[in-house]
Amino acid sequence: MTTEAGQNFDDKLGETIAKTLALFGNDDAKEALENQAKYDQMIAQQEQTNKISQDMVSKISTLINVTAQNKPLPMSFPSGSSPLMQSMNSANEEKRHGAPPAYLLRK
């Protein structure tokens, strides 16, 4: 049949016939039922995998949106220079010949 309801009817009718033949010992019908069970299991696993994939895509999209909206906090130091710059300056001073070590500069 060409409609979805007709196809469902045909599937159920075929399945009923195959079960009936399998009960009477028809090997082809038994094999068809086993193959249908494997197919149904494969479809269920594929649907589960698709659901997990869609969930992951959603979470990654959310993470990207949140990351894009993230703004860095402004950092202000009272002396006008950051501790990182001060440590870089003392490292440069140590490289100079004759400069006292950093631990002697800070008292």
C-alpha atoms as a PDB file:
ATOM      1  CA  MET A   1       0.000   0.000   0.000  1.00  0.00           C
ATOM      2  CA  THR A   2       1.130   3.542  -0.586  1.00  0.00           C
ATOM      3  CA  THR A   3      -0.024   5.251   2.613  1.00  0.00           C
ATOM      4  CA  GLU A   4       1.766   5.005   5.936  1.00  0.00           C
ATOM      5  CA  ALA A   5      -1.233   3.282   7.536  1.00  0.00           C
ATOM      6  CA  GLY A   6      -1.285   0.798   4.661  1.00  0.00           C
ATOM      7  CA  GLN A   7       2.424   0.109   5.033  1.00  0.00           C
ATOM      8  CA  ASN A   8       1.983  -0.466   8.773  1.00  0.00           C
ATOM      9  CA  PHE A   9      -0.857  -2.888   8.020  1.00  0.00           C
ATOM     10  CA  ASP A  10       1.300  -4.739   5.475  1.00  0.00           C
ATOM     11  CA  ASP A  11       4.172  -4.961   7.973  1.00  0.00           C
ATOM     12  CA  LYS A  12       1.935  -6.358  10.714  1.00  0.00           C
ATOM     13  CA  LEU A  13       0.296  -8.807   8.319  1.00  0.00           C
ATOM     14  CA  GLY A  14       3.686 -10.020   7.073  1.00  0.00           C
ATOM     15  CA  GLU A  15       4.978 -10.362  10.611  1.00  0.00           C
ATOM     16  CA  THR A  16       1.907 -12.390  11.623  1.00  0.00           C
ATOM     17  CA  ILE A  17       2.320 -14.689   8.630  1.00  0.00           C
ATOM     18  CA  ALA A  18       6.043 -15.143   9.367  1.00  0.00           C
ATOM     19  CA  LYS A  19       5.308 -15.985  13.029  1.00  0.00           C
ATOM     20  CA  THR A  20       2.669 -18.487  12.002  1.00  0.00           C
ATOM     21  CA  LEU A  21       4.990 -20.156   9.504  1.00  0.00           C
ATOM     22  CA  ALA A  22       7.830 -20.183  12.052  1.00  0.00           C
ATOM     23  CA  LEU A  23       5.580 -21.995  14.528  1.00  0.00           C
ATOM     24  CA  PHE A  24       5.050 -24.723  11.937  1.00  0.00           C
ATOM     25  CA  GLY A  25       8.812 -25.076  11.406  1.00  0.00           C
ATOM     26  CA  ASN A  26       9.472 -22.942   8.338  1.00  0.00           C
ATOM     27  CA  ASP A  27      13.212 -22.114   8.475  1.00  0.00           C
ATOM     28  CA  ASP A  28      12.919 -19.099   6.180  1.00  0.00           C
ATOM     29  CA  ALA A  29      10.239 -17.589   8.398  1.00  0.00           C
ATOM     30  CA  LYS A  30      12.372 -18.181  11.517  1.00  0.00           C
ATOM     31  CA  GLU A  31      15.345 -16.521   9.836  1.00  0.00           C
ATOM     32  CA  ALA A  32      13.171 -13.590   8.753  1.00  0.00           C
ATOM     33  CA  LEU A  33      11.952 -13.088  12.332  1.00  0.00           C
ATOM     34  CA  GLU A  34      15.525 -13.218  13.685  1.00  0.00           C
ATOM     35  CA  ASN A  35      16.676 -10.725  11.069  1.00  0.00           C
ATOM     36  CA  GLN A  36      13.774  -8.416  11.884  1.00  0.00           C
ATOM     37  CA  ALA A  37      14.646  -8.566  15.594  1.00  0.00           C
ATOM     38  CA  LYS A  38      18.286  -7.680  14.791  1.00  0.00           C
ATOM     39  CA  TYR A  39      17.107  -4.840  12.558  1.00  0.00           C
ATOM     40  CA  ASP A  40      14.800  -3.469  15.263  1.00  0.00           C
ATOM     41  CA  GLN A  41      17.655  -3.606  17.789  1.00  0.00           C
ATOM     42  CA  MET A  42      19.994  -1.806  15.374  1.00  0.00           C
ATOM     43  CA  ILE A  43      17.401   0.924  14.768  1.00  0.00           C
ATOM     44  CA  ALA A  44      16.916   1.382  18.534  1.00  0.00           C
ATOM     45  CA  GLN A  45      20.693   1.720  19.053  1.00  0.00           C
ATOM     46  CA  GLN A  46      20.935   4.174  16.172  1.00  0.00           C
ATOM     47  CA  GLU A  47      18.126   6.306  17.606  1.00  0.00           C
ATOM     48  CA  GLN A  48      19.864   6.308  20.995  1.00  0.00           C
ATOM     49  CA  THR A  49      23.152   7.338  19.378  1.00  0.00           C
ATOM     50  CA  ASN A  50      21.399  10.106  17.451  1.00  0.00           C
ATOM     51  CA  LYS A  51      19.815  11.383  20.670  1.00  0.00           C
ATOM     52  CA  ILE A  52      23.200  11.445  22.406  1.00  0.00           C
ATOM     53  CA  SER A  53      24.751  13.237  19.428  1.00  0.00           C
ATOM     54  CA  GLN A  54      21.990  15.859  19.405  1.00  0.00           C
ATOM     55  CA  ASP A  55      22.449  16.352  23.158  1.00  0.00           C
ATOM     56  CA  MET A  56      26.205  16.833  22.721  1.00  0.00           C
ATOM     57  CA  VAL A  57      25.689  19.321  19.876  1.00  0.00           C
ATOM     58  CA  SER A  58      23.274  21.261  22.066  1.00  0.00           C
ATOM     59  CA  LYS A  59      25.721  21.339  24.981  1.00  0.00           C
ATOM     60  CA  ILE A  60      28.621  22.403  22.759  1.00  0.00           C
ATOM     61  CA  SER A  61      26.487  25.138  21.202  1.00  0.00           C
ATOM     62  CA  THR A  62      25.555  26.399  24.674  1.00  0.00           C
ATOM     63  CA  LEU A  63      29.211  26.353  25.720  1.00  0.00           C
ATOM     64  CA  ILE A  64      30.227  28.312  22.620  1.00  0.00           C
ATOM     65  CA  ASN A  65      27.507  30.915  23.255  1.00  0.00           C
ATOM     66  CA  VAL A  66      28.468  31.315  26.906  1.00  0.00           C
ATOM     67  CA  THR A  67      32.158  31.554  26.037  1.00  0.00           C
ATOM     68  CA  ALA A  68      31.460  34.191  23.381  1.00  0.00           C
ATOM     69  CA  GLN A  69      29.540  36.278  25.926  1.00  0.00           C
ATOM     70  CA  ASN A  70      32.294  36.003  28.538  1.00  0.00           C
ATOM     71  CA  LYS A  71      34.041  39.316  29.065  1.00  0.00           C
ATOM     72  CA  PRO A  72      37.331  39.581  30.972  1.00  0.00           C
ATOM     73  CA  LEU A  73      37.229  41.430  34.269  1.00  0.00           C
ATOM     74  CA  PRO A  74      39.091  44.741  34.321  1.00  0.00           C
ATOM     75  CA  MET A  75      42.179  44.558  36.512  1.00  0.00           C
ATOM     76  CA  SER A  76      43.336  47.721  38.231  1.00  0.00           C
ATOM     77  CA  PHE A  77      46.266  47.998  40.586  1.00  0.00           C
ATOM     78  CA  PRO A  78      46.721  50.912  42.984  1.00  0.00           C
ATOM     79  CA  SER A  79      50.349  51.612  42.061  1.00  0.00           C
ATOM     80  CA  GLY A  80      49.604  51.713  38.357  1.00  0.00           C
ATOM     81  CA  SER A  81      51.720  48.666  37.500  1.00  0.00           C
ATOM     82  CA  SER A  82      50.882  45.026  37.859  1.00  0.00           C
ATOM     83  CA  PRO A  83      52.838  42.518  39.973  1.00  0.00           C
ATOM     84  CA  LEU A  84      53.700  40.695  36.753  1.00  0.00           C
ATOM     85  CA  MET A  85      55.390  43.799  35.352  1.00  0.00           C
ATOM     86  CA  GLN A  86      57.279  44.304  38.619  1.00  0.00           C
ATOM     87  CA  SER A  87      58.575  40.728  38.560  1.00  0.00           C
ATOM     88  CA  MET A  88      59.606  41.119  34.902  1.00  0.00           C
ATOM     89  CA  ASN A  89      61.428  44.327  35.784  1.00  0.00           C
ATOM     90  CA  SER A  90      63.331  42.682  38.627  1.00  0.00           C
ATOM     91  CA  ALA A  91      64.239  39.788  36.319  1.00  0.00           C
ATOM     92  CA  ASN A  92      65.710  42.315  33.875  1.00  0.00           C
ATOM     93  CA  GLU A  93      67.592  44.021  36.683  1.00  0.00           C
ATOM     94  CA  GLU A  94      69.159  40.732  37.749  1.00  0.00           C
ATOM     95  CA  LYS A  95      70.536  40.250  34.254  1.00  0.00           C
ATOM     96  CA  ARG A  96      72.467  43.519  34.453  1.00  0.00           C
ATOM     97  CA  HIS A  97      76.073  43.254  35.503  1.00  0.00           C
ATOM     98  CA  GLY A  98      76.630  44.386  39.032  1.00  0.00           C
ATOM     99  CA  ALA A  99      72.977  44.713  39.924  1.00  0.00           C
ATOM    100  CA  PRO A 100      72.083  43.466  43.410  1.00  0.00           C
ATOM    101  CA  PRO A 101      69.878  40.347  43.619  1.00  0.00           C
ATOM    102  CA  ALA A 102      66.128  40.850  43.880  1.00  0.00           C
ATOM    103  CA  TYR A 103      65.957  39.695  47.495  1.00  0.00           C
ATOM    104  CA  LEU A 104      68.250  42.573  48.510  1.00  0.00           C
ATOM    105  CA  LEU A 105      66.125  45.130  46.659  1.00  0.00           C
ATOM    106  CA  ARG A 106      62.959  44.424  48.621  1.00  0.00           C
ATOM    107  CA  LYS A 107      63.073  45.250  52.302  1.00  0.00           C
END
